[in-house]
């Protein structure tokens, strides 16, 4: 988080007229933010239950990242965004749904396009979870006792009803990035990568 906050400050002070969402220019920043959001959403109970855990979460100043002009939520995997938004609201750290709704409604201006004519600034980061779950058999016996699986409980603050309901609900999950997939992906028994790997395998 410290690096990400410093990066935002450097962009704001670096002479850019209007710092904006651009994955090609700020890709490392978005990758770091997705990692922070993912770890927080996935392990929030362990963090918050520690000594001064809640104060530690407040000191991360996640609101400063979410609300910054670079708009990192726009580039993150939808499942991570939705779970992060729910957990962050639960701890009253930041309210993300206004940003999520704006990202869904507005096409932000970008300065460049890729070879296919797609606006490069609007690209969503690829979800890459190489050890989700851990499938290497030879070393698995050392990793398995330490590996943490996502296990949703009744008091887990995954409340998808908090998000804006202006959009029509889609009955079928068409993409791993669709909001309708979020609950399924996070309640599968692991974090999102395993579900995505199965999906990609079936489409090849």
Foldseek 3Di string as FASTA:
>chain_A
DVVLVVVLVCVVPVPDPQQAQFCVVCVVSLVVLLVVLQCCLQCVVVQCPDDCSLVVVLVVLVVCVCPGRNNSLLQEQQLSSLSSQQVCVVSVNHHNQVSVVCSVPDDDDADDADPVRHRRSRHHDDDDDPPFPDDDPVCCVVCVVVDDFQADDPPRRNDNVPHDDPDDDDPDDPDSRDPVCNVVQRHVGHHNPVVVVVVVVVVD
